[in-house]
Amino acid sequence: MTDAGLRLVAMALAIGLAAIGPGAGIGIVFSGAVQAMGRNPEAEGLVRTYMFLGFALTEALFIFGLVFGLLIGFGII
């Protein structure tokens, strides 16, 4: 295996593993929001605001993993 091949394997592992945590986190965020809206429909607006905030923060973790994976793949790191 060459250095380029190892970099590509490292890039694939970094991006793949970076997608696992945020994928589970987004499911937990939306599950909690749907349960909260079902239990207290009057607070739907506030719950929806916090739901999208949690979604954005969780998705940012994947974007960091994607960026680091691409930096590894292109040999910058």
PDB file of N, CA and C in Angstrom:
ATOM      1  N   MET A   1       0.831  -1.174   0.000  1.00  0.00           N
ATOM      2  CA  MET A   1       0.000   0.000   0.000  1.00  0.00           C
ATOM      3  C   MET A   1       0.877   1.240   0.000  1.00  0.00           C
ATOM      4  N   THR A   2       0.431   2.205  -0.744  1.00  0.00           N
ATOM      5  CA  THR A   2       1.181   3.450  -0.815  1.00  0.00           C
ATOM      6  C   THR A   2       0.643   4.444   0.213  1.00  0.00           C
ATOM      7  N   ASP A   3       1.350   5.553   0.325  1.00  0.00           N
ATOM      8  CA  ASP A   3       0.893   6.605   1.234  1.00  0.00           C
ATOM      9  C   ASP A   3      -0.451   7.164   0.795  1.00  0.00           C
ATOM     10  N   ALA A   4      -0.657   7.283  -0.517  1.00  0.00           N
ATOM     11  CA  ALA A   4      -1.925   7.814  -1.015  1.00  0.00           C
ATOM     12  C   ALA A   4      -3.075   6.870  -0.676  1.00  0.00           C
ATOM     13  N   GLY A   5      -2.836   5.587  -0.767  1.00  0.00           N
ATOM     14  CA  GLY A   5      -3.870   4.616  -0.426  1.00  0.00           C
ATOM     15  C   GLY A   5      -4.222   4.651   1.046  1.00  0.00           C
ATOM     16  N   LEU A   6      -3.218   4.767   1.893  1.00  0.00           N
ATOM     17  CA  LEU A   6      -3.481   4.854   3.335  1.00  0.00           C
ATOM     18  C   LEU A   6      -4.216   6.139   3.696  1.00  0.00           C
ATOM     19  N   ARG A   7      -3.891   7.228   2.999  1.00  0.00           N
ATOM     20  CA  ARG A   7      -4.598   8.484   3.238  1.00  0.00           C
ATOM     21  C   ARG A   7      -6.069   8.360   2.867  1.00  0.00           C
ATOM     22  N   LEU A   8      -6.357   7.669   1.755  1.00  0.00           N
ATOM     23  CA  LEU A   8      -7.742   7.500   1.350  1.00  0.00           C
ATOM     24  C   LEU A   8      -8.513   6.614   2.330  1.00  0.00           C
ATOM     25  N   VAL A   9      -7.868   5.575   2.845  1.00  0.00           N
ATOM     26  CA  VAL A   9      -8.511   4.725   3.848  1.00  0.00           C
ATOM     27  C   VAL A   9      -8.770   5.534   5.121  1.00  0.00           C
ATOM     28  N   ALA A  10      -7.810   6.337   5.543  1.00  0.00           N
ATOM     29  CA  ALA A  10      -7.985   7.171   6.734  1.00  0.00           C
ATOM     30  C   ALA A  10      -9.100   8.193   6.521  1.00  0.00           C
ATOM     31  N   MET A  11      -9.184   8.749   5.311  1.00  0.00           N
ATOM     32  CA  MET A  11     -10.235   9.707   5.006  1.00  0.00           C
ATOM     33  C   MET A  11     -11.600   9.036   5.090  1.00  0.00           C
ATOM     34  N   ALA A  12     -11.728   7.853   4.517  1.00  0.00           N
ATOM     35  CA  ALA A  12     -13.006   7.146   4.548  1.00  0.00           C
ATOM     36  C   ALA A  12     -13.405   6.790   5.976  1.00  0.00           C
ATOM     37  N   LEU A  13     -12.449   6.350   6.783  1.00  0.00           N
ATOM     38  CA  LEU A  13     -12.754   6.027   8.178  1.00  0.00           C
ATOM     39  C   LEU A  13     -13.158   7.271   8.966  1.00  0.00           C
ATOM     40  N   ALA A  14     -12.462   8.369   8.749  1.00  0.00           N
ATOM     41  CA  ALA A  14     -12.771   9.598   9.483  1.00  0.00           C
ATOM     42  C   ALA A  14     -14.170  10.095   9.146  1.00  0.00           C
ATOM     43  N   ILE A  15     -14.523  10.097   7.875  1.00  0.00           N
ATOM     44  CA  ILE A  15     -15.843  10.585   7.476  1.00  0.00           C
ATOM     45  C   ILE A  15     -16.930   9.612   7.922  1.00  0.00           C
ATOM     46  N   GLY A  16     -16.684   8.322   7.769  1.00  0.00           N
ATOM     47  CA  GLY A  16     -17.678   7.333   8.169  1.00  0.00           C
ATOM     48  C   GLY A  16     -17.942   7.332   9.658  1.00  0.00           C
ATOM     49  N   LEU A  17     -16.888   7.387  10.449  1.00  0.00           N
ATOM     50  CA  LEU A  17     -17.069   7.407  11.902  1.00  0.00           C
ATOM     51  C   LEU A  17     -17.646   8.730  12.386  1.00  0.00           C
ATOM     52  N   ALA A  18     -17.350   9.807  11.653  1.00  0.00           N
ATOM     53  CA  ALA A  18     -17.893  11.113  12.035  1.00  0.00           C
ATOM     54  C   ALA A  18     -19.391  11.189  11.772  1.00  0.00           C
ATOM     55  N   ALA A  19     -19.922  10.328  10.923  1.00  0.00           N
ATOM     56  CA  ALA A  19     -21.351  10.352  10.620  1.00  0.00           C
ATOM     57  C   ALA A  19     -22.175   9.553  11.626  1.00  0.00           C
ATOM     58  N   ILE A  20     -21.553   8.647  12.365  1.00  0.00           N
ATOM     59  CA  ILE A  20     -22.304   7.779  13.270  1.00  0.00           C
ATOM     60  C   ILE A  20     -22.883   8.563  14.456  1.00  0.00           C
ATOM     61  N   GLY A  21     -22.059   9.317  15.143  1.00  0.00           N
ATOM     62  CA  GLY A  21     -22.511  10.048  16.324  1.00  0.00           C
ATOM     63  C   GLY A  21     -23.586  11.072  16.026  1.00  0.00           C
ATOM     64  N   PRO A  22     -23.371  11.971  15.060  1.00  0.00           N
ATOM     65  CA  PRO A  22     -24.418  12.941  14.752  1.00  0.00           C
ATOM     66  C   PRO A  22     -25.700  12.292  14.231  1.00  0.00           C
ATOM     67  N   GLY A  23     -25.583  11.169  13.531  1.00  0.00           N
ATOM     68  CA  GLY A  23     -26.790  10.483  13.072  1.00  0.00           C
ATOM     69  C   GLY A  23     -27.642  10.024  14.237  1.00  0.00           C
ATOM     70  N   ALA A  24     -27.015   9.448  15.237  1.00  0.00           N
ATOM     71  CA  ALA A  24     -27.747   9.025  16.434  1.00  0.00           C
ATOM     72  C   ALA A  24     -28.239  10.238  17.221  1.00  0.00           C
ATOM     73  N   GLY A  25     -27.424  11.279  17.293  1.00  0.00           N
ATOM     74  CA  GLY A  25     -27.810  12.486  18.033  1.00  0.00           C
ATOM     75  C   GLY A  25     -29.012  13.181  17.426  1.00  0.00           C
ATOM     76  N   ILE A  26     -29.077  13.238  16.108  1.00  0.00           N
ATOM     77  CA  ILE A  26     -30.215  13.876  15.442  1.00  0.00           C
ATOM     78  C   ILE A  26     -31.486  13.082  15.703  1.00  0.00           C
ATOM     79  N   GLY A  27     -31.371  11.762  15.696  1.00  0.00           N
ATOM     80  CA  GLY A  27     -32.533  10.939  16.018  1.00  0.00           C
ATOM     81  C   GLY A  27     -33.030  11.180  17.428  1.00  0.00           C
ATOM     82  N   ILE A  28     -32.119  11.318  18.358  1.00  0.00           N
ATOM     83  CA  ILE A  28     -32.497  11.579  19.753  1.00  0.00           C
ATOM     84  C   ILE A  28     -33.130  12.967  19.893  1.00  0.00           C
ATOM     85  N   VAL A  29     -32.580  13.960  19.194  1.00  0.00           N
ATOM     86  CA  VAL A  29     -33.118  15.320  19.270  1.00  0.00           C
ATOM     87  C   VAL A  29     -34.549  15.358  18.747  1.00  0.00           C
ATOM     88  N   PHE A  30     -34.789  14.769  17.576  1.00  0.00           N
ATOM     89  CA  PHE A  30     -36.127  14.811  17.006  1.00  0.00           C
ATOM     90  C   PHE A  30     -37.106  13.943  17.790  1.00  0.00           C
ATOM     91  N   SER A  31     -36.647  12.825  18.332  1.00  0.00           N
ATOM     92  CA  SER A  31     -37.499  11.984  19.154  1.00  0.00           C
ATOM     93  C   SER A  31     -37.963  12.739  20.398  1.00  0.00           C
ATOM     94  N   GLY A  32     -37.027  13.407  21.066  1.00  0.00           N
ATOM     95  CA  GLY A  32     -37.384  14.185  22.251  1.00  0.00           C
ATOM     96  C   GLY A  32     -38.319  15.330  21.923  1.00  0.00           C
ATOM     97  N   ALA A  33     -38.110  15.969  20.768  1.00  0.00           N
ATOM     98  CA  ALA A  33     -38.972  17.090  20.393  1.00  0.00           C
ATOM     99  C   ALA A  33     -40.391  16.616  20.094  1.00  0.00           C
ATOM    100  N   VAL A  34     -40.529  15.509  19.396  1.00  0.00           N
ATOM    101  CA  VAL A  34     -41.862  14.993  19.079  1.00  0.00           C
ATOM    102  C   VAL A  34     -42.586  14.577  20.363  1.00  0.00           C
ATOM    103  N   GLN A  35     -41.866  13.951  21.287  1.00  0.00           N
ATOM    104  CA  GLN A  35     -42.485  13.571  22.561  1.00  0.00           C
ATOM    105  C   GLN A  35     -42.909  14.806  23.351  1.00  0.00           C
ATOM    106  N   ALA A  36     -42.067  15.825  23.361  1.00  0.00           N
ATOM    107  CA  ALA A  36     -42.401  17.047  24.095  1.00  0.00           C
ATOM    108  C   ALA A  36     -43.605  17.747  23.481  1.00  0.00           C
ATOM    109  N   MET A  37     -43.682  17.785  22.150  1.00  0.00           N
ATOM    110  CA  MET A  37     -44.829  18.410  21.496  1.00  0.00           C
ATOM    111  C   MET A  37     -46.107  17.617  21.739  1.00  0.00           C
ATOM    112  N   GLY A  38     -45.983  16.286  21.823  1.00  0.00           N
ATOM    113  CA  GLY A  38     -47.153  15.469  22.104  1.00  0.00           C
ATOM    114  C   GLY A  38     -47.654  15.642  23.528  1.00  0.00           C
ATOM    115  N   ARG A  39     -46.762  15.867  24.463  1.00  0.00           N
ATOM    116  CA  ARG A  39     -47.165  16.016  25.867  1.00  0.00           C
ATOM    117  C   ARG A  39     -47.642  17.428  26.189  1.00  0.00           C
ATOM    118  N   ASN A  40     -47.072  18.416  25.480  1.00  0.00           N
ATOM    119  CA  ASN A  40     -47.438  19.807  25.766  1.00  0.00           C
ATOM    120  C   ASN A  40     -47.560  20.569  24.450  1.00  0.00           C
ATOM    121  N   PRO A  41     -48.718  20.477  23.791  1.00  0.00           N
ATOM    122  CA  PRO A  41     -48.874  21.123  22.471  1.00  0.00           C
ATOM    123  C   PRO A  41     -48.757  22.646  22.517  1.00  0.00           C
ATOM    124  N   GLU A  42     -49.010  23.265  23.669  1.00  0.00           N
ATOM    125  CA  GLU A  42     -48.931  24.722  23.754  1.00  0.00           C
ATOM    126  C   GLU A  42     -47.500  25.233  23.599  1.00  0.00           C
ATOM    127  N   ALA A  43     -46.525  24.400  23.941  1.00  0.00           N
ATOM    128  CA  ALA A  43     -45.125  24.811  23.878  1.00  0.00           C
ATOM    129  C   ALA A  43     -44.463  24.415  22.556  1.00  0.00           C
ATOM    130  N   GLU A  44     -45.271  24.160  21.528  1.00  0.00           N
ATOM    131  CA  GLU A  44     -44.720  23.669  20.265  1.00  0.00           C
ATOM    132  C   GLU A  44     -43.725  24.640  19.645  1.00  0.00           C
ATOM    133  N   GLY A  45     -44.006  25.930  19.677  1.00  0.00           N
ATOM    134  CA  GLY A  45     -43.113  26.916  19.063  1.00  0.00           C
ATOM    135  C   GLY A  45     -41.741  26.943  19.727  1.00  0.00           C
ATOM    136  N   LEU A  46     -41.718  26.939  21.038  1.00  0.00           N
ATOM    137  CA  LEU A  46     -40.457  26.963  21.773  1.00  0.00           C
ATOM    138  C   LEU A  46     -39.685  25.653  21.586  1.00  0.00           C
ATOM    139  N   VAL A  47     -40.418  24.543  21.620  1.00  0.00           N
ATOM    140  CA  VAL A  47     -39.764  23.236  21.429  1.00  0.00           C
ATOM    141  C   VAL A  47     -39.173  23.144  20.030  1.00  0.00           C
ATOM    142  N   ARG A  48     -39.895  23.649  19.030  1.00  0.00           N
ATOM    143  CA  ARG A  48     -39.399  23.601  17.656  1.00  0.00           C
ATOM    144  C   ARG A  48     -38.131  24.446  17.509  1.00  0.00           C
ATOM    145  N   THR A  49     -38.090  25.586  18.171  1.00  0.00           N
ATOM    146  CA  THR A  49     -36.896  26.432  18.120  1.00  0.00           C
ATOM    147  C   THR A  49     -35.688  25.701  18.685  1.00  0.00           C
ATOM    148  N   TYR A  50     -35.858  25.091  19.855  1.00  0.00           N
ATOM    149  CA  TYR A  50     -34.758  24.359  20.472  1.00  0.00           C
ATOM    150  C   TYR A  50     -34.407  23.100  19.677  1.00  0.00           C
ATOM    151  N   MET A  51     -35.391  22.502  19.009  1.00  0.00           N
ATOM    152  CA  MET A  51     -35.140  21.323  18.194  1.00  0.00           C
ATOM    153  C   MET A  51     -34.196  21.674  17.035  1.00  0.00           C
ATOM    154  N   PHE A  52     -34.508  22.763  16.349  1.00  0.00           N
ATOM    155  CA  PHE A  52     -33.650  23.143  15.227  1.00  0.00           C
ATOM    156  C   PHE A  52     -32.273  23.612  15.693  1.00  0.00           C
ATOM    157  N   LEU A  53     -32.198  24.231  16.862  1.00  0.00           N
ATOM    158  CA  LEU A  53     -30.906  24.600  17.422  1.00  0.00           C
ATOM    159  C   LEU A  53     -30.079  23.355  17.733  1.00  0.00           C
ATOM    160  N   GLY A  54     -30.702  22.354  18.340  1.00  0.00           N
ATOM    161  CA  GLY A  54     -30.014  21.092  18.616  1.00  0.00           C
ATOM    162  C   GLY A  54     -29.608  20.379  17.347  1.00  0.00           C
ATOM    163  N   PHE A  55     -30.463  20.433  16.317  1.00  0.00           N
ATOM    164  CA  PHE A  55     -30.125  19.823  15.031  1.00  0.00           C
ATOM    165  C   PHE A  55     -28.899  20.491  14.420  1.00  0.00           C
ATOM    166  N   ALA A  56     -28.858  21.814  14.446  1.00  0.00           N
ATOM    167  CA  ALA A  56     -27.734  22.547  13.860  1.00  0.00           C
ATOM    168  C   ALA A  56     -26.433  22.250  14.589  1.00  0.00           C
ATOM    169  N   LEU A  57     -26.480  22.219  15.915  1.00  0.00           N
ATOM    170  CA  LEU A  57     -25.258  21.946  16.679  1.00  0.00           C
ATOM    171  C   LEU A  57     -24.781  20.510  16.476  1.00  0.00           C
ATOM    172  N   THR A  58     -25.717  19.579  16.360  1.00  0.00           N
ATOM    173  CA  THR A  58     -25.339  18.186  16.135  1.00  0.00           C
ATOM    174  C   THR A  58     -24.774  18.001  14.729  1.00  0.00           C
ATOM    175  N   GLU A  59     -25.372  18.660  13.764  1.00  0.00           N
ATOM    176  CA  GLU A  59     -24.898  18.547  12.382  1.00  0.00           C
ATOM    177  C   GLU A  59     -23.514  19.181  12.226  1.00  0.00           C
ATOM    178  N   ALA A  60     -23.195  20.176  13.044  1.00  0.00           N
ATOM    179  CA  ALA A  60     -21.879  20.808  12.981  1.00  0.00           C
ATOM    180  C   ALA A  60     -20.776  19.803  13.305  1.00  0.00           C
ATOM    181  N   LEU A  61     -21.060  18.830  14.160  1.00  0.00           N
ATOM    182  CA  LEU A  61     -20.061  17.806  14.469  1.00  0.00           C
ATOM    183  C   LEU A  61     -19.702  16.995  13.235  1.00  0.00           C
ATOM    184  N   PHE A  62     -20.700  16.664  12.414  1.00  0.00           N
ATOM    185  CA  PHE A  62     -20.407  15.925  11.185  1.00  0.00           C
ATOM    186  C   PHE A  62     -19.610  16.787  10.217  1.00  0.00           C
ATOM    187  N   ILE A  63     -19.921  18.049  10.142  1.00  0.00           N
ATOM    188  CA  ILE A  63     -19.194  18.929   9.219  1.00  0.00           C
ATOM    189  C   ILE A  63     -17.725  19.018   9.628  1.00  0.00           C
ATOM    190  N   PHE A  64     -17.452  19.080  10.939  1.00  0.00           N
ATOM    191  CA  PHE A  64     -16.057  19.067  11.393  1.00  0.00           C
ATOM    192  C   PHE A  64     -15.371  17.771  10.985  1.00  0.00           C
ATOM    193  N   GLY A  65     -16.034  16.638  11.164  1.00  0.00           N
ATOM    194  CA  GLY A  65     -15.467  15.351  10.766  1.00  0.00           C
ATOM    195  C   GLY A  65     -15.229  15.278   9.269  1.00  0.00           C
ATOM    196  N   LEU A  66     -16.151  15.833   8.484  1.00  0.00           N
ATOM    197  CA  LEU A  66     -15.986  15.843   7.029  1.00  0.00           C
ATOM    198  C   LEU A  66     -14.777  16.679   6.619  1.00  0.00           C
ATOM    199  N   VAL A  67     -14.637  17.828   7.236  1.00  0.00           N
ATOM    200  CA  VAL A  67     -13.501  18.704   6.913  1.00  0.00           C
ATOM    201  C   VAL A  67     -12.180  18.034   7.284  1.00  0.00           C
ATOM    202  N   PHE A  68     -12.113  17.434   8.480  1.00  0.00           N
ATOM    203  CA  PHE A  68     -10.882  16.756   8.867  1.00  0.00           C
ATOM    204  C   PHE A  68     -10.598  15.563   7.971  1.00  0.00           C
ATOM    205  N   GLY A  69     -11.638  14.840   7.575  1.00  0.00           N
ATOM    206  CA  GLY A  69     -11.443  13.716   6.654  1.00  0.00           C
ATOM    207  C   GLY A  69     -10.905  14.163   5.315  1.00  0.00           C
ATOM    208  N   LEU A  70     -11.434  15.252   4.787  1.00  0.00           N
ATOM    209  CA  LEU A  70     -10.933  15.777   3.517  1.00  0.00           C
ATOM    210  C   LEU A  70      -9.494  16.296   3.653  1.00  0.00           C
ATOM    211  N   LEU A  71      -9.193  16.919   4.786  1.00  0.00           N
ATOM    212  CA  LEU A  71      -7.807  17.385   4.991  1.00  0.00           C
ATOM    213  C   LEU A  71      -6.837  16.198   5.044  1.00  0.00           C
ATOM    214  N   ILE A  72      -7.267  15.102   5.664  1.00  0.00           N
ATOM    215  CA  ILE A  72      -6.426  13.896   5.697  1.00  0.00           C
ATOM    216  C   ILE A  72      -6.276  13.336   4.288  1.00  0.00           C
ATOM    217  N   GLY A  73      -7.377  13.269   3.543  1.00  0.00           N
ATOM    218  CA  GLY A  73      -7.358  12.697   2.203  1.00  0.00           C
ATOM    219  C   GLY A  73      -6.479  13.471   1.239  1.00  0.00           C
ATOM    220  N   PHE A  74      -6.474  14.774   1.338  1.00  0.00           N
ATOM    221  CA  PHE A  74      -5.670  15.590   0.441  1.00  0.00           C
ATOM    222  C   PHE A  74      -4.238  15.774   0.933  1.00  0.00           C
ATOM    223  N   GLY A  75      -3.902  15.179   2.065  1.00  0.00           N
ATOM    224  CA  GLY A  75      -2.531  15.220   2.556  1.00  0.00           C
ATOM    225  C   GLY A  75      -2.138  16.505   3.242  1.00  0.00           C
ATOM    226  N   ILE A  76      -3.093  17.308   3.646  1.00  0.00           N
ATOM    227  CA  ILE A  76      -2.779  18.566   4.305  1.00  0.00           C
ATOM    228  C   ILE A  76      -2.413  18.314   5.762  1.00  0.00           C
ATOM    229  N   ILE A  77      -3.058  17.335   6.369  1.00  0.00           N
ATOM    230  CA  ILE A  77      -2.737  16.968   7.756  1.00  0.00           C
ATOM    231  C   ILE A  77      -1.874  15.735   7.716  1.00  0.00           C
TER     232      ILE A  77
END
